[in-house]
N, C-alpha and C. Protein backbone atom coordinates (compact mmCIF):
# COMPACT_ATOMS: atom_id res chain seq x y z
N MET A 1 19.88 -5.23 -1.88
CA MET A 1 18.38 -5.30 -2.48
C MET A 1 17.75 -6.42 -2.04
N THR A 2 16.46 -6.28 -1.59
CA THR A 2 15.64 -7.48 -1.10
C THR A 2 14.93 -7.99 -2.20
N THR A 3 14.89 -9.30 -2.47
CA THR A 3 14.07 -9.97 -3.35
C THR A 3 13.12 -10.88 -2.45
N ILE A 4 11.77 -10.63 -2.84
CA ILE A 4 10.80 -11.53 -2.06
C ILE A 4 10.28 -12.59 -3.14
N THR A 5 10.34 -13.82 -2.86
CA THR A 5 9.77 -14.81 -3.67
C THR A 5 8.64 -15.51 -3.01
N HIS A 6 7.67 -15.98 -3.72
CA HIS A 6 6.59 -16.65 -3.12
C HIS A 6 6.27 -17.84 -3.84
N ASN A 7 6.26 -18.98 -2.91
CA ASN A 7 5.81 -20.39 -3.55
C ASN A 7 4.42 -20.77 -2.87
N PRO A 8 3.49 -20.93 -3.67
CA PRO A 8 2.05 -20.94 -3.07
C PRO A 8 1.94 -22.24 -2.09
N ALA A 9 2.87 -23.31 -2.34
CA ALA A 9 2.92 -24.35 -1.49
C ALA A 9 3.66 -24.18 0.04
N THR A 10 4.41 -23.06 0.02
CA THR A 10 5.12 -22.77 1.17
C THR A 10 4.92 -21.25 1.54
N GLN A 11 5.46 -20.95 2.66
CA GLN A 11 5.54 -19.66 3.11
C GLN A 11 6.41 -18.73 2.12
N PRO A 12 6.15 -17.37 2.02
CA PRO A 12 6.88 -16.52 1.32
C PRO A 12 8.42 -16.64 2.05
N THR A 13 9.45 -16.47 1.14
CA THR A 13 10.80 -16.52 1.56
C THR A 13 11.54 -15.36 1.01
N THR A 14 12.63 -15.02 1.61
CA THR A 14 13.25 -13.73 1.20
C THR A 14 14.76 -14.13 1.23
N HIS A 15 15.63 -13.27 0.42
CA HIS A 15 17.00 -13.38 0.54
C HIS A 15 17.42 -11.98 0.41
N GLN A 16 18.39 -11.48 1.25
CA GLN A 16 19.10 -10.19 1.38
C GLN A 16 20.23 -10.32 0.56
N VAL A 17 20.54 -9.57 -0.58
CA VAL A 17 21.72 -9.75 -1.35
C VAL A 17 22.64 -8.65 -0.99
N GLY A 18 23.88 -9.21 -0.49
CA GLY A 18 24.85 -8.04 0.05
C GLY A 18 25.53 -7.41 -1.06
N GLN A 19 26.66 -6.73 -0.77
CA GLN A 19 27.43 -6.06 -1.87
C GLN A 19 28.33 -7.01 -2.59
N ARG A 20 28.50 -8.34 -2.07
CA ARG A 20 29.24 -9.24 -2.85
C ARG A 20 28.23 -10.35 -3.45
N GLY A 21 27.03 -10.25 -3.34
CA GLY A 21 26.12 -11.10 -3.89
C GLY A 21 25.94 -12.26 -2.91
N THR A 22 26.31 -12.10 -1.72
CA THR A 22 26.00 -13.03 -0.58
C THR A 22 24.57 -12.87 -0.09
N GLN A 23 24.02 -13.93 0.35
CA GLN A 23 22.58 -13.81 0.69
C GLN A 23 22.54 -14.26 2.27
N THR A 24 21.41 -13.63 2.84
CA THR A 24 21.17 -14.04 4.28
C THR A 24 19.75 -14.28 4.22
N GLY A 25 19.44 -15.10 5.16
CA GLY A 25 17.86 -15.66 5.26
C GLY A 25 17.03 -14.54 5.97
N PRO A 26 15.83 -15.13 6.24
CA PRO A 26 14.73 -14.38 6.98
C PRO A 26 15.07 -13.89 8.26
N ASP A 27 16.12 -14.38 9.09
CA ASP A 27 16.36 -14.07 10.36
C ASP A 27 17.43 -12.92 10.46
N GLY A 28 18.02 -12.67 9.36
CA GLY A 28 19.04 -11.58 9.44
C GLY A 28 18.64 -10.30 8.81
N PRO A 29 19.25 -9.50 8.16
CA PRO A 29 18.92 -8.27 7.72
C PRO A 29 17.65 -8.29 6.79
N ALA A 30 17.16 -9.34 6.41
CA ALA A 30 15.94 -9.47 5.70
C ALA A 30 14.85 -9.68 6.58
N GLY A 31 14.83 -9.58 7.89
CA GLY A 31 13.85 -9.75 8.74
C GLY A 31 12.66 -8.70 8.27
N GLN A 32 12.90 -7.82 7.71
CA GLN A 32 11.74 -6.82 7.47
C GLN A 32 10.76 -7.37 6.35
N VAL A 33 11.13 -8.42 5.74
CA VAL A 33 10.23 -9.09 4.84
C VAL A 33 8.85 -9.47 5.49
N GLY A 34 8.83 -9.89 6.74
CA GLY A 34 7.72 -10.20 7.46
C GLY A 34 6.72 -8.93 7.31
N ALA A 35 7.30 -7.69 7.74
CA ALA A 35 6.61 -6.47 7.85
C ALA A 35 6.07 -6.09 6.47
N VAL A 36 6.87 -6.25 5.56
CA VAL A 36 6.45 -5.95 4.09
C VAL A 36 5.17 -6.83 3.70
N LEU A 37 5.25 -8.08 3.99
CA LEU A 37 4.13 -9.09 3.49
C LEU A 37 3.01 -8.80 4.51
N ASP A 38 3.08 -8.30 5.88
CA ASP A 38 2.06 -7.86 6.63
C ASP A 38 1.38 -6.65 6.05
N LEU A 39 2.21 -5.69 5.65
CA LEU A 39 1.70 -4.44 5.12
C LEU A 39 0.83 -4.82 3.94
N LEU A 40 1.35 -5.65 3.06
CA LEU A 40 0.59 -5.89 1.76
C LEU A 40 -0.76 -6.63 2.08
N ASP A 41 -0.67 -7.50 3.31
CA ASP A 41 -1.86 -8.26 3.51
C ASP A 41 -2.90 -7.20 4.15
N ARG A 42 -2.41 -6.28 4.90
CA ARG A 42 -3.28 -5.29 5.59
C ARG A 42 -3.74 -4.33 4.61
N ALA A 43 -3.10 -4.04 3.61
CA ALA A 43 -3.65 -3.27 2.48
C ALA A 43 -4.83 -3.89 1.73
N ARG A 44 -4.59 -5.12 1.49
CA ARG A 44 -5.77 -5.83 0.86
C ARG A 44 -6.81 -5.84 1.70
N GLU A 45 -6.67 -6.21 2.96
CA GLU A 45 -7.79 -6.29 3.96
C GLU A 45 -8.42 -4.97 4.03
N GLY A 46 -7.82 -3.84 3.92
CA GLY A 46 -8.37 -2.64 4.07
C GLY A 46 -9.32 -2.39 2.72
N LEU A 47 -8.80 -2.86 1.55
CA LEU A 47 -9.73 -2.68 0.40
C LEU A 47 -10.82 -3.39 0.73
N LEU A 48 -10.95 -4.64 1.11
CA LEU A 48 -11.92 -5.35 1.39
C LEU A 48 -12.86 -4.75 2.24
N VAL A 49 -12.46 -4.17 3.32
CA VAL A 49 -13.25 -3.42 4.48
C VAL A 49 -13.95 -2.31 3.62
N ALA A 50 -13.10 -1.52 2.73
CA ALA A 50 -13.79 -0.42 1.97
C ALA A 50 -14.89 -0.92 1.24
N CYS A 51 -14.60 -1.91 0.44
CA CYS A 51 -15.76 -2.38 -0.48
C CYS A 51 -17.15 -2.77 0.39
N HIS A 52 -16.97 -3.06 1.52
CA HIS A 52 -17.92 -3.40 2.36
C HIS A 52 -18.56 -2.17 3.38
N SER A 53 -18.05 -1.10 3.19
CA SER A 53 -18.27 0.09 4.17
C SER A 53 -19.71 0.57 3.71
N SER A 54 -20.29 0.95 4.84
CA SER A 54 -21.62 1.48 4.61
C SER A 54 -21.90 2.90 4.25
N THR A 55 -20.78 3.64 4.34
CA THR A 55 -20.77 5.18 4.03
C THR A 55 -19.70 5.51 3.00
N ALA A 56 -19.88 6.46 2.30
CA ALA A 56 -18.85 6.89 1.32
C ALA A 56 -17.64 7.39 1.97
N PRO A 57 -17.65 8.21 3.05
CA PRO A 57 -16.45 8.63 3.80
C PRO A 57 -15.78 7.52 4.35
N GLU A 58 -16.42 6.58 4.81
CA GLU A 58 -15.71 5.40 5.41
C GLU A 58 -14.92 4.52 4.44
N ARG A 59 -15.77 4.45 3.23
CA ARG A 59 -15.02 3.74 2.18
C ARG A 59 -13.79 4.48 1.64
N TYR A 60 -13.99 5.81 1.68
CA TYR A 60 -12.80 6.61 1.11
C TYR A 60 -11.78 6.51 2.06
N THR A 61 -11.86 6.75 3.27
CA THR A 61 -10.80 6.51 4.41
C THR A 61 -10.09 5.30 4.08
N GLN A 62 -10.86 4.23 4.24
CA GLN A 62 -10.32 2.82 4.12
C GLN A 62 -9.59 2.56 2.97
N ALA A 63 -10.01 2.97 1.86
CA ALA A 63 -9.20 2.81 0.51
C ALA A 63 -8.00 3.71 0.61
N HIS A 64 -7.99 4.90 1.02
CA HIS A 64 -6.72 5.66 1.48
C HIS A 64 -5.76 4.88 2.15
N LEU A 65 -6.13 4.47 3.39
CA LEU A 65 -5.32 3.72 4.25
C LEU A 65 -4.59 2.53 3.62
N ALA A 66 -5.45 1.99 2.90
CA ALA A 66 -4.90 0.63 2.06
C ALA A 66 -3.85 1.04 1.10
N GLY A 67 -4.02 2.22 0.46
CA GLY A 67 -2.87 2.61 -0.36
C GLY A 67 -1.66 2.91 0.17
N LEU A 68 -1.98 3.62 1.59
CA LEU A 68 -0.85 4.11 2.34
C LEU A 68 -0.07 2.88 2.89
N ARG A 69 -0.74 1.78 3.28
CA ARG A 69 -0.04 0.60 3.71
C ARG A 69 0.72 0.03 2.54
N ALA A 70 0.26 -0.13 1.29
CA ALA A 70 0.92 -0.60 0.26
C ALA A 70 2.14 0.35 -0.15
N GLY A 71 1.84 1.59 0.00
CA GLY A 71 3.30 2.34 -0.31
C GLY A 71 4.39 2.24 0.80
N ALA A 72 3.93 1.95 1.98
CA ALA A 72 4.88 1.74 3.07
C ALA A 72 5.39 0.28 2.96
N ALA A 73 4.73 -0.59 2.53
CA ALA A 73 5.36 -2.00 2.09
C ALA A 73 6.40 -1.69 1.29
N LEU A 74 6.39 -0.98 0.07
CA LEU A 74 7.34 -0.77 -0.98
C LEU A 74 8.56 -0.08 -0.32
N LEU A 75 8.26 0.94 0.49
CA LEU A 75 9.44 1.40 1.15
C LEU A 75 10.23 0.68 2.08
N ALA A 76 9.33 -0.04 2.87
CA ALA A 76 10.08 -1.05 3.81
C ALA A 76 10.91 -2.05 3.12
N ALA A 77 10.66 -2.40 1.75
CA ALA A 77 11.34 -3.34 1.03
C ALA A 77 12.62 -2.86 0.38
N ARG A 78 12.41 -1.54 -0.02
CA ARG A 78 13.44 -0.94 -0.89
C ARG A 78 14.36 -0.07 -0.10
N SER A 79 14.02 0.60 0.90
CA SER A 79 14.77 1.51 1.58
C SER A 79 15.48 1.18 2.97
N SER A 80 16.50 1.79 3.27
CA SER A 80 17.07 1.39 4.64
C SER A 80 16.86 2.75 5.43
N PRO A 81 16.84 2.52 6.94
CA PRO A 81 16.50 3.60 7.79
C PRO A 81 17.43 4.80 7.49
N SER A 82 16.80 5.89 7.56
CA SER A 82 17.37 7.20 7.49
C SER A 82 17.82 7.81 8.67
N ARG A 83 18.81 8.55 8.66
CA ARG A 83 19.25 9.45 9.82
C ARG A 83 18.67 10.81 9.86
N ARG A 84 17.64 10.89 8.95
CA ARG A 84 16.98 12.24 9.12
C ARG A 84 16.17 12.48 10.38
N THR A 85 16.22 13.71 10.66
CA THR A 85 15.53 13.94 12.17
C THR A 85 14.00 14.26 11.85
N ARG A 86 13.68 14.76 10.60
CA ARG A 86 12.25 15.08 10.25
C ARG A 86 11.46 13.88 9.82
N PRO A 87 10.43 13.52 10.23
CA PRO A 87 9.70 12.54 9.63
C PRO A 87 9.11 12.86 8.19
N ARG A 88 9.08 11.99 7.42
CA ARG A 88 8.59 12.22 6.05
C ARG A 88 7.59 11.48 5.78
N SER A 89 6.63 11.80 4.90
CA SER A 89 5.32 10.86 4.60
C SER A 89 5.84 9.81 3.58
N VAL A 90 4.92 8.94 3.65
CA VAL A 90 5.19 7.92 2.52
C VAL A 90 5.26 8.56 1.02
N TRP A 91 4.31 9.30 0.85
CA TRP A 91 4.07 9.97 -0.38
C TRP A 91 5.30 10.94 -0.72
N GLU A 92 5.96 11.36 0.21
CA GLU A 92 7.20 12.24 -0.02
C GLU A 92 8.35 11.38 -0.36
N VAL A 93 8.44 10.20 0.28
CA VAL A 93 9.43 9.46 0.02
C VAL A 93 9.53 8.45 -1.13
N LEU A 94 8.22 8.03 -1.38
CA LEU A 94 8.15 6.97 -2.49
C LEU A 94 8.81 7.46 -3.98
N PRO A 95 8.68 8.68 -4.40
CA PRO A 95 9.13 9.01 -5.57
C PRO A 95 10.88 8.82 -5.78
N THR A 96 11.45 8.99 -4.45
CA THR A 96 12.88 8.81 -4.51
C THR A 96 13.15 7.25 -4.58
N VAL A 97 12.31 6.38 -4.13
CA VAL A 97 12.59 5.03 -3.98
C VAL A 97 11.97 4.32 -5.33
N ALA A 98 10.80 4.80 -5.88
CA ALA A 98 10.27 4.17 -7.08
C ALA A 98 9.89 5.27 -7.87
N PRO A 99 10.63 5.95 -8.49
CA PRO A 99 10.20 7.04 -9.46
C PRO A 99 9.00 6.80 -10.49
N GLU A 100 8.95 5.57 -10.85
CA GLU A 100 7.78 5.04 -11.66
C GLU A 100 6.61 5.26 -11.10
N LEU A 101 6.44 5.44 -9.72
CA LEU A 101 5.16 5.58 -8.99
C LEU A 101 5.05 7.06 -8.59
N THR A 102 5.82 7.96 -9.05
CA THR A 102 5.67 9.36 -8.55
C THR A 102 4.26 9.94 -8.82
N GLU A 103 3.47 9.74 -9.81
CA GLU A 103 2.30 10.16 -10.20
C GLU A 103 1.14 9.46 -9.07
N TRP A 104 1.51 8.29 -8.66
CA TRP A 104 0.63 7.77 -7.68
C TRP A 104 0.91 8.24 -6.26
N ALA A 105 2.06 8.72 -6.18
CA ALA A 105 2.27 9.44 -4.95
C ALA A 105 1.63 10.72 -4.79
N VAL A 106 1.73 11.45 -5.85
CA VAL A 106 0.78 12.74 -5.86
C VAL A 106 -0.56 12.55 -5.68
N PHE A 107 -1.02 11.49 -6.26
CA PHE A 107 -2.46 11.21 -6.30
C PHE A 107 -2.88 10.98 -4.88
N PHE A 108 -2.10 10.00 -4.18
CA PHE A 108 -2.45 9.36 -2.92
C PHE A 108 -2.26 10.61 -1.72
N ALA A 109 -1.13 11.42 -2.09
CA ALA A 109 -0.93 12.46 -1.27
C ALA A 109 -2.10 13.59 -1.30
N GLU A 110 -2.79 13.70 -2.27
CA GLU A 110 -3.89 14.58 -2.48
C GLU A 110 -5.21 13.81 -1.92
N SER A 111 -5.19 12.56 -1.97
CA SER A 111 -6.52 11.82 -1.27
C SER A 111 -6.18 12.03 0.15
N GLY A 112 -5.08 11.92 0.68
CA GLY A 112 -4.61 12.02 2.22
C GLY A 112 -5.21 13.31 2.69
N ARG A 113 -4.99 14.30 1.91
CA ARG A 113 -5.30 15.88 2.39
C ARG A 113 -6.84 15.73 2.39
N ARG A 114 -7.45 15.16 1.49
CA ARG A 114 -9.00 15.13 1.44
C ARG A 114 -9.39 14.29 2.48
N ARG A 115 -8.82 13.17 2.89
CA ARG A 115 -9.25 12.34 4.05
C ARG A 115 -9.21 13.09 5.34
N LEU A 116 -8.15 13.77 5.59
CA LEU A 116 -8.16 14.64 6.67
C LEU A 116 -9.09 15.68 6.84
N ALA A 117 -9.49 16.26 5.78
CA ALA A 117 -10.61 17.15 5.52
C ALA A 117 -11.87 16.53 5.91
N LEU A 118 -12.00 15.37 5.29
CA LEU A 118 -13.26 14.52 5.92
C LEU A 118 -13.34 14.48 7.23
N GLU A 119 -12.19 13.95 7.90
CA GLU A 119 -12.15 13.64 9.34
C GLU A 119 -12.57 15.03 10.26
N ARG A 120 -12.30 16.30 9.60
CA ARG A 120 -12.37 17.26 10.33
C ARG A 120 -13.87 17.90 10.04
N GLY A 121 -14.51 17.22 9.03
CA GLY A 121 -15.97 17.68 8.64
C GLY A 121 -15.86 18.87 7.67
N VAL A 122 -14.67 19.12 7.12
CA VAL A 122 -14.68 20.29 6.14
C VAL A 122 -14.94 19.79 4.81
N ASP A 123 -14.84 18.76 4.45
CA ASP A 123 -15.02 18.08 3.00
C ASP A 123 -16.10 17.04 2.98
N CYS A 124 -16.65 16.78 1.80
CA CYS A 124 -17.40 15.46 1.86
C CYS A 124 -17.07 14.73 0.50
N VAL A 125 -17.26 13.51 0.45
CA VAL A 125 -16.96 12.74 -0.74
C VAL A 125 -18.28 12.04 -1.22
N THR A 126 -18.42 11.73 -2.51
CA THR A 126 -19.65 11.13 -3.10
C THR A 126 -19.31 9.69 -3.03
N PRO A 127 -20.27 8.77 -3.18
CA PRO A 127 -20.18 7.36 -3.34
C PRO A 127 -19.25 7.13 -4.52
N ARG A 128 -19.34 7.89 -5.70
CA ARG A 128 -18.62 7.74 -6.74
C ARG A 128 -16.98 7.96 -6.51
N ASP A 129 -16.74 8.99 -5.65
CA ASP A 129 -15.39 9.44 -5.17
C ASP A 129 -14.67 8.19 -4.46
N ALA A 130 -15.53 7.68 -3.58
CA ALA A 130 -15.05 6.56 -2.79
C ALA A 130 -14.85 5.35 -3.53
N ASP A 131 -15.73 5.02 -4.51
CA ASP A 131 -15.53 3.72 -5.33
C ASP A 131 -14.34 3.99 -6.31
N ASP A 132 -13.94 5.23 -6.75
CA ASP A 132 -12.97 5.33 -7.70
C ASP A 132 -11.73 5.31 -6.91
N LEU A 133 -11.63 5.67 -5.59
CA LEU A 133 -10.48 5.59 -4.78
C LEU A 133 -10.25 4.02 -4.47
N VAL A 134 -11.33 3.28 -4.17
CA VAL A 134 -11.09 1.77 -4.07
C VAL A 134 -10.51 1.21 -5.19
N ARG A 135 -10.98 1.52 -6.52
CA ARG A 135 -10.31 0.97 -7.71
C ARG A 135 -8.99 1.37 -7.75
N ALA A 136 -8.57 2.57 -7.52
CA ALA A 136 -7.25 3.23 -7.73
C ALA A 136 -6.25 2.33 -6.70
N GLY A 137 -6.96 2.19 -5.48
CA GLY A 137 -6.05 1.62 -4.37
C GLY A 137 -5.64 -0.01 -4.88
N GLU A 138 -6.73 -0.57 -5.48
CA GLU A 138 -6.45 -1.85 -5.83
C GLU A 138 -5.50 -1.92 -6.98
N ARG A 139 -5.49 -0.99 -7.82
CA ARG A 139 -4.45 -0.94 -8.97
C ARG A 139 -3.18 -0.49 -8.49
N PHE A 140 -3.02 0.35 -7.40
CA PHE A 140 -1.72 0.67 -6.89
C PHE A 140 -1.26 -0.53 -6.03
N LEU A 141 -1.94 -1.12 -5.24
CA LEU A 141 -1.60 -2.40 -4.55
C LEU A 141 -0.96 -3.37 -5.45
N GLU A 142 -1.58 -3.67 -6.66
CA GLU A 142 -1.04 -4.64 -7.69
C GLU A 142 0.31 -4.02 -8.33
N LEU A 143 0.49 -2.84 -8.49
CA LEU A 143 1.74 -2.24 -8.97
C LEU A 143 2.83 -2.50 -7.95
N VAL A 144 2.35 -2.15 -6.57
CA VAL A 144 3.57 -2.47 -5.72
C VAL A 144 3.87 -3.88 -5.67
N ARG A 145 2.84 -4.82 -5.64
CA ARG A 145 3.17 -6.22 -5.63
C ARG A 145 4.00 -6.59 -6.84
N SER A 146 3.71 -6.07 -7.95
CA SER A 146 4.46 -6.25 -9.16
C SER A 146 5.92 -5.90 -9.02
N ALA A 147 6.07 -4.60 -8.50
CA ALA A 147 7.59 -4.01 -8.13
C ALA A 147 8.34 -4.87 -7.26
N LEU A 148 7.59 -5.56 -6.49
CA LEU A 148 8.16 -6.48 -5.45
C LEU A 148 8.48 -7.87 -5.97
N HIS A 149 7.89 -8.20 -7.09
CA HIS A 149 7.99 -9.38 -7.96
C HIS A 149 7.13 -10.50 -7.18
N LEU A 150 6.06 -10.10 -6.79
CA LEU A 150 5.01 -11.00 -6.07
C LEU A 150 3.87 -11.03 -7.22
N PRO A 151 3.15 -12.21 -7.14
CA PRO A 151 2.05 -12.49 -7.93
C PRO A 151 0.99 -11.59 -7.67
N CYS A 152 0.25 -11.40 -8.66
CA CYS A 152 -1.02 -10.56 -8.44
C CYS A 152 -2.12 -11.34 -7.49
N ALA A 153 -2.75 -10.44 -6.87
CA ALA A 153 -3.58 -11.05 -5.84
C ALA A 153 -5.17 -11.41 -6.56
N THR A 154 -5.88 -12.04 -6.07
CA THR A 154 -7.18 -12.28 -6.52
C THR A 154 -8.02 -10.96 -6.48
N PRO A 155 -8.58 -10.63 -7.64
CA PRO A 155 -9.40 -9.38 -7.78
C PRO A 155 -10.33 -9.24 -6.62
N LEU A 156 -10.67 -7.98 -6.35
CA LEU A 156 -11.68 -7.61 -5.46
C LEU A 156 -13.06 -7.99 -5.93
N PRO A 157 -14.00 -8.12 -5.13
CA PRO A 157 -15.33 -8.41 -5.70
C PRO A 157 -15.59 -7.31 -6.84
N ALA A 158 -16.33 -7.98 -7.84
CA ALA A 158 -16.57 -7.04 -9.16
C ALA A 158 -17.56 -5.95 -8.77
N GLU A 159 -18.39 -6.21 -7.69
CA GLU A 159 -19.35 -4.97 -7.32
C GLU A 159 -19.06 -4.63 -6.07
N LEU A 160 -19.01 -3.32 -5.71
CA LEU A 160 -19.08 -2.84 -4.47
C LEU A 160 -20.25 -2.68 -3.85
N ILE A 161 -20.43 -2.96 -2.55
CA ILE A 161 -21.86 -2.83 -1.90
C ILE A 161 -22.18 -1.44 -1.87
N PRO A 162 -23.37 -1.27 -2.30
CA PRO A 162 -23.69 0.40 -2.41
C PRO A 162 -23.71 0.99 -1.02
N VAL A 163 -23.37 2.26 -1.02
CA VAL A 163 -23.29 3.01 0.20
C VAL A 163 -24.28 3.99 0.38
N GLY A 164 -24.58 4.72 1.36
CA GLY A 164 -25.56 5.79 1.50
C GLY A 164 -24.65 7.08 1.31
N ARG A 165 -25.35 8.16 1.33
CA ARG A 165 -24.69 9.36 1.14
C ARG A 165 -23.96 10.09 2.18
N GLY A 166 -23.46 9.31 3.00
CA GLY A 166 -23.00 9.81 4.40
C GLY A 166 -21.65 10.56 4.34
C-alpha cells in the first residue's frame, strides 16, 4: 500500500509499505508517486482550463479529461500492473480499486461517451451541462485527494467565465 504525505514546507514524500511493514523511499517501488502527483496536478490544471474555456463543448471536454486524470491518479496509487491483455478504461477498473467511487465511475463513463459524441458532432452540450461537469470534476478530484490522504486543494474560482453556445 502506498501512502502519500504532504508537508507544505517540503516536497511531497512517499513510503511503500511492504508485506512486513518495511518501507522504501521514492526511488524504489514507490517511484510511481511522482506520476500520481503529476496526474493530480494535471487534473487541477484541466479544471482551471475548463473554467476559462470559451465554449461549452471545450469546457465539457476539459472537465471530463480532468476527472479521467484524477481517476488515473487513484489507480496508479492503489493498483499494481496487471497481466491482462485487454486494455481497460479507468472507469471500468476504478470500482474494483475504490468501490466507494463506483457511482462516480458510472457518471464519468457516461460523460466520456458524451464527450466522444461531441467530438464526432453527434451530440451537443449546454453551458449548464459543461458547468455541472466542472463542479462534478472538482468534487471528484477532492474525493480522490482525500482517498490518497492528501490535503484539499484551494477551491476553483467561485464563478465560471461565461461561455458561448458552441
